[in-house]
């Protein structure tokens, strides 16, 4: 579980038992962005949406408007998503912020907990 304590992220890794990754907040801003960017955006979004591969792109039903087709395009090479009907797009952090209605720090912590910490183990 990722928790912000005294300017540092504590991320418990359940696979390693008591091992805890501790990232200072000054490192968090830079290194968390780098760590999240090193993971494909589809790896982050698959924790929130069912994804469907179509050619190079991955597609999903957009959660931001009434959608019954796979109108959200997810491009791993550009690390971004875009929904043509609602004209919404961005990176993984923006997606989690908008979907959960949380701040950037909370979104970073959630992505680090769900995706990046699992890829480190």
PDB file of N, CA and C in Angstrom:
ATOM      1  N   UNK A   1       0.839  -1.178   0.000  1.00  0.00           N
ATOM      2  CA  UNK A   1       0.000   0.000   0.000  1.00  0.00           C
ATOM      3  C   UNK A   1       0.883   1.240   0.000  1.00  0.00           C
ATOM      4  N   UNK A   2       0.557   2.226  -0.815  1.00  0.00           N
ATOM      5  CA  UNK A   2       1.328   3.461  -0.887  1.00  0.00           C
ATOM      6  C   UNK A   2       0.722   4.508   0.032  1.00  0.00           C
ATOM      7  N   UNK A   3       1.550   5.084   0.877  1.00  0.00           N
ATOM      8  CA  UNK A   3       1.098   6.103   1.821  1.00  0.00           C
ATOM      9  C   UNK A   3       2.123   7.225   1.835  1.00  0.00           C
ATOM     10  N   UNK A   4       1.641   8.477   1.806  1.00  0.00           N
ATOM     11  CA  UNK A   4       2.530   9.629   1.903  1.00  0.00           C
ATOM     12  C   UNK A   4       2.708   9.955   3.375  1.00  0.00           C
ATOM     13  N   UNK A   5       3.953   9.818   3.856  1.00  0.00           N
ATOM     14  CA  UNK A   5       4.240  10.087   5.265  1.00  0.00           C
ATOM     15  C   UNK A   5       5.422  11.027   5.359  1.00  0.00           C
ATOM     16  N   UNK A   6       5.198  12.186   5.906  1.00  0.00           N
ATOM     17  CA  UNK A   6       6.289  13.116   6.163  1.00  0.00           C
ATOM     18  C   UNK A   6       7.125  13.436   4.937  1.00  0.00           C
ATOM     19  N   UNK A   7       6.498  13.591   3.796  1.00  0.00           N
ATOM     20  CA  UNK A   7       7.220  13.960   2.585  1.00  0.00           C
ATOM     21  C   UNK A   7       7.845  12.793   1.853  1.00  0.00           C
ATOM     22  N   UNK A   8       7.475  11.549   2.193  1.00  0.00           N
ATOM     23  CA  UNK A   8       8.040  10.386   1.498  1.00  0.00           C
ATOM     24  C   UNK A   8       6.931   9.372   1.246  1.00  0.00           C
ATOM     25  N   UNK A   9       7.043   8.649   0.146  1.00  0.00           N
ATOM     26  CA  UNK A   9       6.098   7.585  -0.164  1.00  0.00           C
ATOM     27  C   UNK A   9       6.610   6.296   0.451  1.00  0.00           C
ATOM     28  N   UNK A  10       5.790   5.628   1.216  1.00  0.00           N
ATOM     29  CA  UNK A  10       6.088   4.285   1.704  1.00  0.00           C
ATOM     30  C   UNK A  10       5.248   3.324   0.890  1.00  0.00           C
ATOM     31  N   UNK A  11       5.907   2.415   0.189  1.00  0.00           N
ATOM     32  CA  UNK A  11       5.190   1.454  -0.636  1.00  0.00           C
ATOM     33  C   UNK A  11       5.525   0.057  -0.144  1.00  0.00           C
ATOM     34  N   UNK A  12       4.537  -0.621   0.416  1.00  0.00           N
ATOM     35  CA  UNK A  12       4.738  -1.981   0.889  1.00  0.00           C
ATOM     36  C   UNK A  12       4.611  -2.931  -0.288  1.00  0.00           C
ATOM     37  N   UNK A  13       5.516  -3.855  -0.378  1.00  0.00           N
ATOM     38  CA  UNK A  13       5.488  -4.855  -1.439  1.00  0.00           C
ATOM     39  C   UNK A  13       5.007  -6.171  -0.840  1.00  0.00           C
ATOM     40  N   UNK A  14       3.758  -6.567  -1.095  1.00  0.00           N
ATOM     41  CA  UNK A  14       3.250  -7.793  -0.485  1.00  0.00           C
ATOM     42  C   UNK A  14       3.999  -9.041  -0.936  1.00  0.00           C
ATOM     43  N   UNK A  15       4.601  -9.027  -2.120  1.00  0.00           N
ATOM     44  CA  UNK A  15       5.328 -10.186  -2.621  1.00  0.00           C
ATOM     45  C   UNK A  15       6.621 -10.407  -1.841  1.00  0.00           C
ATOM     46  N   UNK A  16       7.180  -9.352  -1.270  1.00  0.00           N
ATOM     47  CA  UNK A  16       8.445  -9.459  -0.548  1.00  0.00           C
ATOM     48  C   UNK A  16       8.244  -9.436   0.961  1.00  0.00           C
ATOM     49  N   UNK A  17       7.016  -9.494   1.424  1.00  0.00           N
ATOM     50  CA  UNK A  17       6.758  -9.509   2.862  1.00  0.00           C
ATOM     51  C   UNK A  17       7.004  -8.155   3.494  1.00  0.00           C
ATOM     52  N   UNK A  18       8.034  -8.040   4.289  1.00  0.00           N
ATOM     53  CA  UNK A  18       8.286  -6.837   5.063  1.00  0.00           C
ATOM     54  C   UNK A  18       9.060  -5.773   4.288  1.00  0.00           C
ATOM     55  N   UNK A  19       9.471  -6.075   3.068  1.00  0.00           N
ATOM     56  CA  UNK A  19      10.255  -5.102   2.303  1.00  0.00           C
ATOM     57  C   UNK A  19       9.406  -3.868   2.004  1.00  0.00           C
ATOM     58  N   UNK A  20       9.970  -2.716   2.245  1.00  0.00           N
ATOM     59  CA  UNK A  20       9.271  -1.455   1.992  1.00  0.00           C
ATOM     60  C   UNK A  20      10.179  -0.568   1.159  1.00  0.00           C
ATOM     61  N   UNK A  21       9.636  -0.045   0.065  1.00  0.00           N
ATOM     62  CA  UNK A  21      10.368   0.921  -0.747  1.00  0.00           C
ATOM     63  C   UNK A  21      10.057   2.300  -0.198  1.00  0.00           C
ATOM     64  N   UNK A  22      11.069   3.098   0.041  1.00  0.00           N
ATOM     65  CA  UNK A  22      10.849   4.447   0.572  1.00  0.00           C
ATOM     66  C   UNK A  22      11.470   5.427  -0.399  1.00  0.00           C
ATOM     67  N   UNK A  23      10.640   6.317  -0.925  1.00  0.00           N
ATOM     68  CA  UNK A  23      11.101   7.309  -1.879  1.00  0.00           C
ATOM     69  C   UNK A  23      10.872   8.693  -1.307  1.00  0.00           C
ATOM     70  N   UNK A  24      11.907   9.480  -1.219  1.00  0.00           N
ATOM     71  CA  UNK A  24      11.785  10.834  -0.723  1.00  0.00           C
ATOM     72  C   UNK A  24      10.933  11.647  -1.689  1.00  0.00           C
ATOM     73  N   UNK A  25      10.238  12.664  -1.157  1.00  0.00           N
ATOM     74  CA  UNK A  25       9.335  13.446  -1.983  1.00  0.00           C
ATOM     75  C   UNK A  25      10.080  14.171  -3.098  1.00  0.00           C
ATOM     76  N   UNK A  26      11.296  14.628  -2.861  1.00  0.00           N
ATOM     77  CA  UNK A  26      12.050  15.285  -3.933  1.00  0.00           C
ATOM     78  C   UNK A  26      12.347  14.299  -5.044  1.00  0.00           C
ATOM     79  N   UNK A  27      12.625  13.046  -4.675  1.00  0.00           N
ATOM     80  CA  UNK A  27      12.824  12.003  -5.671  1.00  0.00           C
ATOM     81  C   UNK A  27      11.492  11.577  -6.255  1.00  0.00           C
ATOM     82  N   UNK A  28      10.448  11.606  -5.442  1.00  0.00           N
ATOM     83  CA  UNK A  28       9.156  11.116  -5.868  1.00  0.00           C
ATOM     84  C   UNK A  28       8.662  11.824  -7.114  1.00  0.00           C
ATOM     85  N   UNK A  29       8.773  13.130  -7.125  1.00  0.00           N
ATOM     86  CA  UNK A  29       8.263  13.873  -8.257  1.00  0.00           C
ATOM     87  C   UNK A  29       8.960  13.471  -9.542  1.00  0.00           C
ATOM     88  N   UNK A  30      10.283  13.395  -9.514  1.00  0.00           N
ATOM     89  CA  UNK A  30      11.030  13.021 -10.718  1.00  0.00           C
ATOM     90  C   UNK A  30      11.012  11.520 -10.959  1.00  0.00           C
ATOM     91  N   UNK A  31      11.397  10.773  -9.946  1.00  0.00           N
ATOM     92  CA  UNK A  31      11.563   9.336 -10.126  1.00  0.00           C
ATOM     93  C   UNK A  31      10.235   8.597 -10.287  1.00  0.00           C
ATOM     94  N   UNK A  32       9.190   9.075  -9.633  1.00  0.00           N
ATOM     95  CA  UNK A  32       7.883   8.438  -9.815  1.00  0.00           C
ATOM     96  C   UNK A  32       7.394   8.628 -11.239  1.00  0.00           C
ATOM     97  N   UNK A  33       7.580   9.837 -11.772  1.00  0.00           N
ATOM     98  CA  UNK A  33       7.188  10.071 -13.157  1.00  0.00           C
ATOM     99  C   UNK A  33       7.978   9.161 -14.099  1.00  0.00           C
ATOM    100  N   UNK A  34       9.285   9.034 -13.850  1.00  0.00           N
ATOM    101  CA  UNK A  34      10.120   8.165 -14.689  1.00  0.00           C
ATOM    102  C   UNK A  34       9.677   6.708 -14.566  1.00  0.00           C
ATOM    103  N   UNK A  35       9.395   6.280 -13.344  1.00  0.00           N
ATOM    104  CA  UNK A  35       8.974   4.894 -13.129  1.00  0.00           C
ATOM    105  C   UNK A  35       7.639   4.617 -13.807  1.00  0.00           C
ATOM    106  N   UNK A  36       6.712   5.558 -13.707  1.00  0.00           N
ATOM    107  CA  UNK A  36       5.408   5.379 -14.338  1.00  0.00           C
ATOM    108  C   UNK A  36       5.535   5.423 -15.851  1.00  0.00           C
ATOM    109  N   UNK A  37       6.369   6.319 -16.361  1.00  0.00           N
ATOM    110  CA  UNK A  37       6.569   6.409 -17.807  1.00  0.00           C
ATOM    111  C   UNK A  37       7.265   5.174 -18.363  1.00  0.00           C
ATOM    112  N   UNK A  38       8.029   4.465 -17.529  1.00  0.00           N
ATOM    113  CA  UNK A  38       8.720   3.265 -18.008  1.00  0.00           C
ATOM    114  C   UNK A  38       7.763   2.086 -18.194  1.00  0.00           C
ATOM    115  N   UNK A  39       6.563   2.182 -17.622  1.00  0.00           N
ATOM    116  CA  UNK A  39       5.555   1.145 -17.753  1.00  0.00           C
ATOM    117  C   UNK A  39       4.590   1.569 -18.863  1.00  0.00           C
ATOM    118  N   UNK A  40       4.204   0.638 -19.708  1.00  0.00           N
ATOM    119  CA  UNK A  40       3.263   0.944 -20.795  1.00  0.00           C
ATOM    120  C   UNK A  40       1.950   1.457 -20.211  1.00  0.00           C
ATOM    121  N   UNK A  41       1.363   2.450 -20.864  1.00  0.00           N
ATOM    122  CA  UNK A  41       0.112   3.033 -20.371  1.00  0.00           C
ATOM    123  C   UNK A  41      -0.996   1.988 -20.310  1.00  0.00           C
ATOM    124  N   UNK A  42      -0.977   1.028 -21.212  1.00  0.00           N
ATOM    125  CA  UNK A  42      -1.999  -0.021 -21.179  1.00  0.00           C
ATOM    126  C   UNK A  42      -1.870  -0.878 -19.921  1.00  0.00           C
ATOM    127  N   UNK A  43      -0.650  -1.016 -19.387  1.00  0.00           N
ATOM    128  CA  UNK A  43      -0.448  -1.760 -18.140  1.00  0.00           C
ATOM    129  C   UNK A  43      -1.102  -1.042 -16.963  1.00  0.00           C
ATOM    130  N   UNK A  44      -1.148   0.275 -17.006  1.00  0.00           N
ATOM    131  CA  UNK A  44      -1.801   1.048 -15.948  1.00  0.00           C
ATOM    132  C   UNK A  44      -3.309   0.997 -16.135  1.00  0.00           C
ATOM    133  N   UNK A  45      -3.785   1.273 -17.342  1.00  0.00           N
ATOM    134  CA  UNK A  45      -5.217   1.367 -17.588  1.00  0.00           C
ATOM    135  C   UNK A  45      -5.941   0.033 -17.463  1.00  0.00           C
ATOM    136  N   UNK A  46      -5.231  -1.081 -17.633  1.00  0.00           N
ATOM    137  CA  UNK A  46      -5.906  -2.379 -17.525  1.00  0.00           C
ATOM    138  C   UNK A  46      -6.380  -2.661 -16.101  1.00  0.00           C
ATOM    139  N   UNK A  47      -5.875  -1.902 -15.131  1.00  0.00           N
ATOM    140  CA  UNK A  47      -6.342  -2.049 -13.750  1.00  0.00           C
ATOM    141  C   UNK A  47      -7.677  -1.334 -13.531  1.00  0.00           C
ATOM    142  N   UNK A  48      -8.097  -0.528 -14.488  1.00  0.00           N
ATOM    143  CA  UNK A  48      -9.320   0.257 -14.349  1.00  0.00           C
ATOM    144  C   UNK A  48     -10.367  -0.053 -15.405  1.00  0.00           C
ATOM    145  N   UNK A  49      -9.954  -0.591 -16.557  1.00  0.00           N
ATOM    146  CA  UNK A  49     -10.855  -0.837 -17.675  1.00  0.00           C
ATOM    147  C   UNK A  49     -10.537  -2.166 -18.345  1.00  0.00           C
ATOM    148  N   UNK A  50     -11.543  -2.828 -18.919  1.00  0.00           N
ATOM    149  CA  UNK A  50     -11.220  -3.958 -19.797  1.00  0.00           C
ATOM    150  C   UNK A  50     -10.682  -3.401 -21.122  1.00  0.00           C
ATOM    151  N   UNK A  51      -9.548  -3.906 -21.566  1.00  0.00           N
ATOM    152  CA  UNK A  51      -8.895  -3.404 -22.771  1.00  0.00           C
ATOM    153  C   UNK A  51      -9.018  -4.423 -23.901  1.00  0.00           C
ATOM    154  N   UNK A  52      -9.068  -3.907 -25.138  1.00  0.00           N
ATOM    155  CA  UNK A  52      -9.171  -4.742 -26.334  1.00  0.00           C
ATOM    156  C   UNK A  52      -8.101  -4.300 -27.319  1.00  0.00           C
ATOM    157  N   UNK A  53      -7.284  -5.250 -27.783  1.00  0.00           N
ATOM    158  CA  UNK A  53      -6.220  -4.924 -28.742  1.00  0.00           C
ATOM    159  C   UNK A  53      -6.806  -4.864 -30.145  1.00  0.00           C
ATOM    160  N   UNK A  54      -6.459  -3.786 -30.868  1.00  0.00           N
ATOM    161  CA  UNK A  54      -6.895  -3.601 -32.248  1.00  0.00           C
ATOM    162  C   UNK A  54      -5.705  -3.049 -33.015  1.00  0.00           C
ATOM    163  N   UNK A  55      -4.970  -3.916 -33.719  1.00  0.00           N
ATOM    164  CA  UNK A  55      -3.779  -3.482 -34.435  1.00  0.00           C
ATOM    165  C   UNK A  55      -2.698  -3.064 -33.460  1.00  0.00           C
ATOM    166  N   UNK A  56      -2.077  -1.902 -33.734  1.00  0.00           N
ATOM    167  CA  UNK A  56      -1.047  -1.378 -32.827  1.00  0.00           C
ATOM    168  C   UNK A  56      -1.638  -0.819 -31.556  1.00  0.00           C
ATOM    169  N   UNK A  57      -2.834  -0.285 -31.663  1.00  0.00           N
ATOM    170  CA  UNK A  57      -3.466   0.369 -30.528  1.00  0.00           C
ATOM    171  C   UNK A  57      -4.240  -0.611 -29.664  1.00  0.00           C
ATOM    172  N   UNK A  58      -4.490  -0.146 -28.472  1.00  0.00           N
ATOM    173  CA  UNK A  58      -5.363  -0.850 -27.547  1.00  0.00           C
ATOM    174  C   UNK A  58      -6.582   0.049 -27.402  1.00  0.00           C
ATOM    175  N   UNK A  59      -7.753  -0.549 -27.314  1.00  0.00           N
ATOM    176  CA  UNK A  59      -8.980   0.242 -27.196  1.00  0.00           C
ATOM    177  C   UNK A  59      -9.759  -0.160 -25.960  1.00  0.00           C
ATOM    178  N   UNK A  60     -10.614   0.774 -25.533  1.00  0.00           N
ATOM    179  CA  UNK A  60     -11.458   0.533 -24.358  1.00  0.00           C
ATOM    180  C   UNK A  60     -12.719   1.368 -24.479  1.00  0.00           C
ATOM    181  N   UNK A  61     -13.718   0.989 -23.714  1.00  0.00           N
ATOM    182  CA  UNK A  61     -14.931   1.786 -23.602  1.00  0.00           C
ATOM    183  C   UNK A  61     -14.606   2.961 -22.688  1.00  0.00           C
ATOM    184  N   UNK A  62     -14.869   4.178 -23.147  1.00  0.00           N
ATOM    185  CA  UNK A  62     -14.521   5.373 -22.385  1.00  0.00           C
ATOM    186  C   UNK A  62     -15.404   5.498 -21.142  1.00  0.00           C
ATOM    187  N   UNK A  63     -14.800   5.651 -19.962  1.00  0.00           N
ATOM    188  CA  UNK A  63     -15.584   5.797 -18.740  1.00  0.00           C
ATOM    189  C   UNK A  63     -16.080   7.230 -18.495  1.00  0.00           C
ATOM    190  N   UNK A  64     -15.671   8.172 -19.349  1.00  0.00           N
ATOM    191  CA  UNK A  64     -15.981   9.577 -19.103  1.00  0.00           C
ATOM    192  C   UNK A  64     -17.236  10.066 -19.812  1.00  0.00           C
ATOM    193  N   UNK A  65     -17.846   9.221 -20.632  1.00  0.00           N
ATOM    194  CA  UNK A  65     -19.122   9.570 -21.264  1.00  0.00           C
ATOM    195  C   UNK A  65     -19.883   8.281 -21.548  1.00  0.00           C
ATOM    196  N   UNK A  66     -21.173   8.425 -21.886  1.00  0.00           N
ATOM    197  CA  UNK A  66     -21.960   7.238 -22.232  1.00  0.00           C
ATOM    198  C   UNK A  66     -21.422   6.672 -23.531  1.00  0.00           C
ATOM    199  N   UNK A  67     -20.827   5.511 -23.431  1.00  0.00           N
ATOM    200  CA  UNK A  67     -20.148   4.914 -24.577  1.00  0.00           C
ATOM    201  C   UNK A  67     -20.513   3.444 -24.647  1.00  0.00           C
ATOM    202  N   UNK A  68     -20.810   2.967 -25.837  1.00  0.00           N
ATOM    203  CA  UNK A  68     -21.080   1.547 -26.004  1.00  0.00           C
ATOM    204  C   UNK A  68     -20.134   0.907 -27.017  1.00  0.00           C
ATOM    205  N   UNK A  69     -19.196   1.692 -27.507  1.00  0.00           N
ATOM    206  CA  UNK A  69     -18.177   1.185 -28.420  1.00  0.00           C
ATOM    207  C   UNK A  69     -16.805   1.419 -27.798  1.00  0.00           C
ATOM    208  N   UNK A  70     -15.808   0.784 -28.375  1.00  0.00           N
ATOM    209  CA  UNK A  70     -14.436   0.976 -27.892  1.00  0.00           C
ATOM    210  C   UNK A  70     -13.850   2.227 -28.533  1.00  0.00           C
ATOM    211  N   UNK A  71     -14.292   3.382 -28.074  1.00  0.00           N
ATOM    212  CA  UNK A  71     -13.886   4.635 -28.696  1.00  0.00           C
ATOM    213  C   UNK A  71     -12.640   5.259 -28.067  1.00  0.00           C
ATOM    214  N   UNK A  72     -12.172   4.726 -26.939  1.00  0.00           N
ATOM    215  CA  UNK A  72     -10.956   5.245 -26.330  1.00  0.00           C
ATOM    216  C   UNK A  72      -9.759   4.489 -26.916  1.00  0.00           C
ATOM    217  N   UNK A  73      -8.842   5.231 -27.516  1.00  0.00           N
ATOM    218  CA  UNK A  73      -7.639   4.658 -28.115  1.00  0.00           C
ATOM    219  C   UNK A  73      -6.478   4.840 -27.147  1.00  0.00           C
ATOM    220  N   UNK A  74      -5.744   3.774 -26.919  1.00  0.00           N
ATOM    221  CA  UNK A  74      -4.605   3.797 -26.003  1.00  0.00           C
ATOM    222  C   UNK A  74      -3.374   3.428 -26.808  1.00  0.00           C
ATOM    223  N   UNK A  75      -2.411   4.333 -26.853  1.00  0.00           N
ATOM    224  CA  UNK A  75      -1.217   4.133 -27.669  1.00  0.00           C
ATOM    225  C   UNK A  75      -0.006   4.020 -26.751  1.00  0.00           C
ATOM    226  N   UNK A  76       0.554   2.815 -26.656  1.00  0.00           N
ATOM    227  CA  UNK A  76       1.708   2.591 -25.781  1.00  0.00           C
ATOM    228  C   UNK A  76       2.959   3.299 -26.270  1.00  0.00           C
ATOM    229  N   UNK A  77       3.139   3.414 -27.578  1.00  0.00           N
ATOM    230  CA  UNK A  77       4.358   4.055 -28.084  1.00  0.00           C
ATOM    231  C   UNK A  77       4.374   5.553 -27.785  1.00  0.00           C
ATOM    232  N   UNK A  78       3.207   6.172 -27.700  1.00  0.00           N
ATOM    233  CA  UNK A  78       3.115   7.596 -27.357  1.00  0.00           C
ATOM    234  C   UNK A  78       2.789   7.809 -25.882  1.00  0.00           C
ATOM    235  N   UNK A  79       2.524   6.737 -25.162  1.00  0.00           N
ATOM    236  CA  UNK A  79       2.150   6.790 -23.734  1.00  0.00           C
ATOM    237  C   UNK A  79       0.981   7.734 -23.484  1.00  0.00           C
ATOM    238  N   UNK A  80      -0.062   7.584 -24.293  1.00  0.00           N
ATOM    239  CA  UNK A  80      -1.231   8.443 -24.118  1.00  0.00           C
ATOM    240  C   UNK A  80      -2.500   7.719 -24.528  1.00  0.00           C
ATOM    241  N   UNK A  81      -3.622   8.257 -24.054  1.00  0.00           N
ATOM    242  CA  UNK A  81      -4.928   7.775 -24.490  1.00  0.00           C
ATOM    243  C   UNK A  81      -5.684   8.940 -25.099  1.00  0.00           C
ATOM    244  N   UNK A  82      -6.662   8.634 -25.950  1.00  0.00           N
ATOM    245  CA  UNK A  82      -7.499   9.660 -26.549  1.00  0.00           C
ATOM    246  C   UNK A  82      -8.861   9.073 -26.853  1.00  0.00           C
ATOM    247  N   UNK A  83      -9.898   9.784 -26.476  1.00  0.00           N
ATOM    248  CA  UNK A  83     -11.261   9.395 -26.796  1.00  0.00           C
ATOM    249  C   UNK A  83     -11.800  10.408 -27.798  1.00  0.00           C
ATOM    250  N   UNK A  84     -12.141   9.950 -28.984  1.00  0.00           N
ATOM    251  CA  UNK A  84     -12.604  10.853 -30.028  1.00  0.00           C
ATOM    252  C   UNK A  84     -13.969  11.486 -29.743  1.00  0.00           C
ATOM    253  N   UNK A  85     -14.984  10.749 -29.271  1.00  0.00           N
ATOM    254  CA  UNK A  85     -16.284  11.388 -29.023  1.00  0.00           C
ATOM    255  C   UNK A  85     -16.254  12.478 -27.948  1.00  0.00           C
ATOM    256  N   UNK A  86     -15.536  12.261 -26.844  1.00  0.00           N
ATOM    257  CA  UNK A  86     -15.547  13.277 -25.776  1.00  0.00           C
ATOM    258  C   UNK A  86     -14.300  14.155 -25.790  1.00  0.00           C
ATOM    259  N   UNK A  87     -13.384  13.913 -26.740  1.00  0.00           N
ATOM    260  CA  UNK A  87     -12.169  14.726 -26.894  1.00  0.00           C
ATOM    261  C   UNK A  87     -11.362  14.824 -25.603  1.00  0.00           C
ATOM    262  N   UNK A  88     -11.255  13.713 -24.906  1.00  0.00           N
ATOM    263  CA  UNK A  88     -10.445  13.683 -23.692  1.00  0.00           C
ATOM    264  C   UNK A  88      -9.228  12.811 -23.944  1.00  0.00           C
ATOM    265  N   UNK A  89      -8.095  13.242 -23.445  1.00  0.00           N
ATOM    266  CA  UNK A  89      -6.879  12.465 -23.608  1.00  0.00           C
ATOM    267  C   UNK A  89      -5.842  12.872 -22.605  1.00  0.00           C
ATOM    268  N   UNK A  90      -4.776  12.089 -22.549  1.00  0.00           N
ATOM    269  CA  UNK A  90      -3.682  12.410 -21.642  1.00  0.00           C
ATOM    270  C   UNK A  90      -2.851  11.184 -21.355  1.00  0.00           C
ATOM    271  N   UNK A  91      -2.110  11.259 -20.259  1.00  0.00           N
ATOM    272  CA  UNK A  91      -1.260  10.141 -19.864  1.00  0.00           C
ATOM    273  C   UNK A  91      -1.938   9.349 -18.747  1.00  0.00           C
ATOM    274  N   UNK A  92      -1.229   8.373 -18.219  1.00  0.00           N
ATOM    275  CA  UNK A  92      -1.793   7.499 -17.192  1.00  0.00           C
ATOM    276  C   UNK A  92      -2.150   8.268 -15.925  1.00  0.00           C
ATOM    277  N   UNK A  93      -1.327   9.232 -15.564  1.00  0.00           N
ATOM    278  CA  UNK A  93      -1.586  10.008 -14.346  1.00  0.00           C
ATOM    279  C   UNK A  93      -2.867  10.823 -14.497  1.00  0.00           C
ATOM    280  N   UNK A  94      -3.014  11.476 -15.637  1.00  0.00           N
ATOM    281  CA  UNK A  94      -4.225  12.256 -15.896  1.00  0.00           C
ATOM    282  C   UNK A  94      -5.456  11.363 -15.883  1.00  0.00           C
ATOM    283  N   UNK A  95      -5.358  10.173 -16.454  1.00  0.00           N
ATOM    284  CA  UNK A  95      -6.485   9.248 -16.488  1.00  0.00           C
ATOM    285  C   UNK A  95      -6.942   8.898 -15.073  1.00  0.00           C
ATOM    286  N   UNK A  96      -6.004   8.508 -14.213  1.00  0.00           N
ATOM    287  CA  UNK A  96      -6.357   8.114 -12.847  1.00  0.00           C
ATOM    288  C   UNK A  96      -6.901   9.307 -12.069  1.00  0.00           C
ATOM    289  N   UNK A  97      -6.308  10.484 -12.266  1.00  0.00           N
ATOM    290  CA  UNK A  97      -6.809  11.685 -11.591  1.00  0.00           C
ATOM    291  C   UNK A  97      -8.254  11.958 -11.966  1.00  0.00           C
ATOM    292  N   UNK A  98      -8.559  11.879 -13.246  1.00  0.00           N
ATOM    293  CA  UNK A  98      -9.913  12.200 -13.710  1.00  0.00           C
ATOM    294  C   UNK A  98     -10.905  11.106 -13.324  1.00  0.00           C
ATOM    295  N   UNK A  99     -10.502   9.844 -13.469  1.00  0.00           N
ATOM    296  CA  UNK A  99     -11.412   8.740 -13.175  1.00  0.00           C
ATOM    297  C   UNK A  99     -11.787   8.699 -11.703  1.00  0.00           C
ATOM    298  N   UNK A 100     -10.789   8.828 -10.838  1.00  0.00           N
ATOM    299  CA  UNK A 100     -11.008   8.731  -9.390  1.00  0.00           C
ATOM    300  C   UNK A 100     -11.318  10.066  -8.725  1.00  0.00           C
ATOM    301  N   UNK A 101     -11.156  11.169  -9.488  1.00  0.00           N
ATOM    302  CA  UNK A 101     -11.364  12.521  -8.949  1.00  0.00           C
ATOM    303  C   UNK A 101     -10.462  12.754  -7.737  1.00  0.00           C
ATOM    304  N   UNK A 102      -9.159  12.525  -7.963  1.00  0.00           N
ATOM    305  CA  UNK A 102      -8.170  12.675  -6.896  1.00  0.00           C
ATOM    306  C   UNK A 102      -7.049  13.601  -7.356  1.00  0.00           C
ATOM    307  N   UNK A 103      -6.202  13.994  -6.421  1.00  0.00           N
ATOM    308  CA  UNK A 103      -5.092  14.887  -6.733  1.00  0.00           C
ATOM    309  C   UNK A 103      -3.971  14.122  -7.434  1.00  0.00           C
ATOM    310  N   UNK A 104      -2.986  14.876  -7.929  1.00  0.00           N
ATOM    311  CA  UNK A 104      -1.860  14.247  -8.612  1.00  0.00           C
ATOM    312  C   UNK A 104      -1.055  13.365  -7.656  1.00  0.00           C
ATOM    313  N   UNK A 105      -0.822  13.831  -6.431  1.00  0.00           N
ATOM    314  CA  UNK A 105      -0.081  13.025  -5.462  1.00  0.00           C
ATOM    315  C   UNK A 105      -0.794  11.704  -5.168  1.00  0.00           C
ATOM    316  N   UNK A 106      -2.104  11.767  -5.016  1.00  0.00           N
ATOM    317  CA  UNK A 106      -2.869  10.547  -4.761  1.00  0.00           C
ATOM    318  C   UNK A 106      -2.830   9.618  -5.968  1.00  0.00           C
ATOM    319  N   UNK A 107      -2.911  10.177  -7.169  1.00  0.00           N
ATOM    320  CA  UNK A 107      -2.842   9.367  -8.390  1.00  0.00           C
ATOM    321  C   UNK A 107      -1.474   8.711  -8.533  1.00  0.00           C
ATOM    322  N   UNK A 108      -0.407   9.468  -8.252  1.00  0.00           N
ATOM    323  CA  UNK A 108       0.936   8.897  -8.292  1.00  0.00           C
ATOM    324  C   UNK A 108       1.053   7.730  -7.319  1.00  0.00           C
ATOM    325  N   UNK A 109       0.558   7.916  -6.104  1.00  0.00           N
ATOM    326  CA  UNK A 109       0.618   6.856  -5.100  1.00  0.00           C
ATOM    327  C   UNK A 109      -0.157   5.625  -5.524  1.00  0.00           C
ATOM    328  N   UNK A 110      -1.335   5.826  -6.100  1.00  0.00           N
ATOM    329  CA  UNK A 110      -2.151   4.695  -6.527  1.00  0.00           C
ATOM    330  C   UNK A 110      -1.496   3.929  -7.673  1.00  0.00           C
ATOM    331  N   UNK A 111      -0.942   4.648  -8.636  1.00  0.00           N
ATOM    332  CA  UNK A 111      -0.266   3.984  -9.759  1.00  0.00           C
ATOM    333  C   UNK A 111       0.982   3.264  -9.270  1.00  0.00           C
ATOM    334  N   UNK A 112       1.727   3.900  -8.384  1.00  0.00           N
ATOM    335  CA  UNK A 112       2.929   3.260  -7.846  1.00  0.00           C
ATOM    336  C   UNK A 112       2.556   1.979  -7.094  1.00  0.00           C
ATOM    337  N   UNK A 113       1.465   2.032  -6.358  1.00  0.00           N
ATOM    338  CA  UNK A 113       1.034   0.869  -5.586  1.00  0.00           C
ATOM    339  C   UNK A 113       0.544  -0.259  -6.483  1.00  0.00           C
ATOM    340  N   UNK A 114      -0.304   0.063  -7.457  1.00  0.00           N
ATOM    341  CA  UNK A 114      -0.933  -0.965  -8.282  1.00  0.00           C
ATOM    342  C   UNK A 114      -0.031  -1.523  -9.366  1.00  0.00           C
ATOM    343  N   UNK A 115       0.812  -0.681  -9.948  1.00  0.00           N
ATOM    344  CA  UNK A 115       1.534  -1.096 -11.152  1.00  0.00           C
ATOM    345  C   UNK A 115       3.038  -1.141 -10.952  1.00  0.00           C
ATOM    346  N   UNK A 116       3.630  -0.020 -10.585  1.00  0.00           N
ATOM    347  CA  UNK A 116       5.084   0.089 -10.583  1.00  0.00           C
ATOM    348  C   UNK A 116       5.707  -0.777  -9.509  1.00  0.00           C
ATOM    349  N   UNK A 117       5.139  -0.800  -8.297  1.00  0.00           N
ATOM    350  CA  UNK A 117       5.725  -1.617  -7.234  1.00  0.00           C
ATOM    351  C   UNK A 117       5.668  -3.100  -7.601  1.00  0.00           C
ATOM    352  N   UNK A 118       4.661  -3.520  -8.358  1.00  0.00           N
ATOM    353  CA  UNK A 118       4.569  -4.921  -8.784  1.00  0.00           C
ATOM    354  C   UNK A 118       5.589  -5.243  -9.856  1.00  0.00           C
ATOM    355  N   UNK A 119       5.929  -4.249 -10.677  1.00  0.00           N
ATOM    356  CA  UNK A 119       6.936  -4.497 -11.711  1.00  0.00           C
ATOM    357  C   UNK A 119       8.353  -4.492 -11.135  1.00  0.00           C
ATOM    358  N   UNK A 120       8.532  -3.917  -9.922  1.00  0.00           N
ATOM    359  CA  UNK A 120       9.841  -3.899  -9.270  1.00  0.00           C
ATOM    360  C   UNK A 120      10.159  -5.212  -8.576  1.00  0.00           C
ATOM    361  N   UNK A 121       9.094  -5.979  -8.224  1.00  0.00           N
ATOM    362  CA  UNK A 121       9.318  -7.226  -7.481  1.00  0.00           C
ATOM    363  C   UNK A 121       9.659  -8.359  -8.410  1.00  0.00           C
TER     364      UNK A 121
END
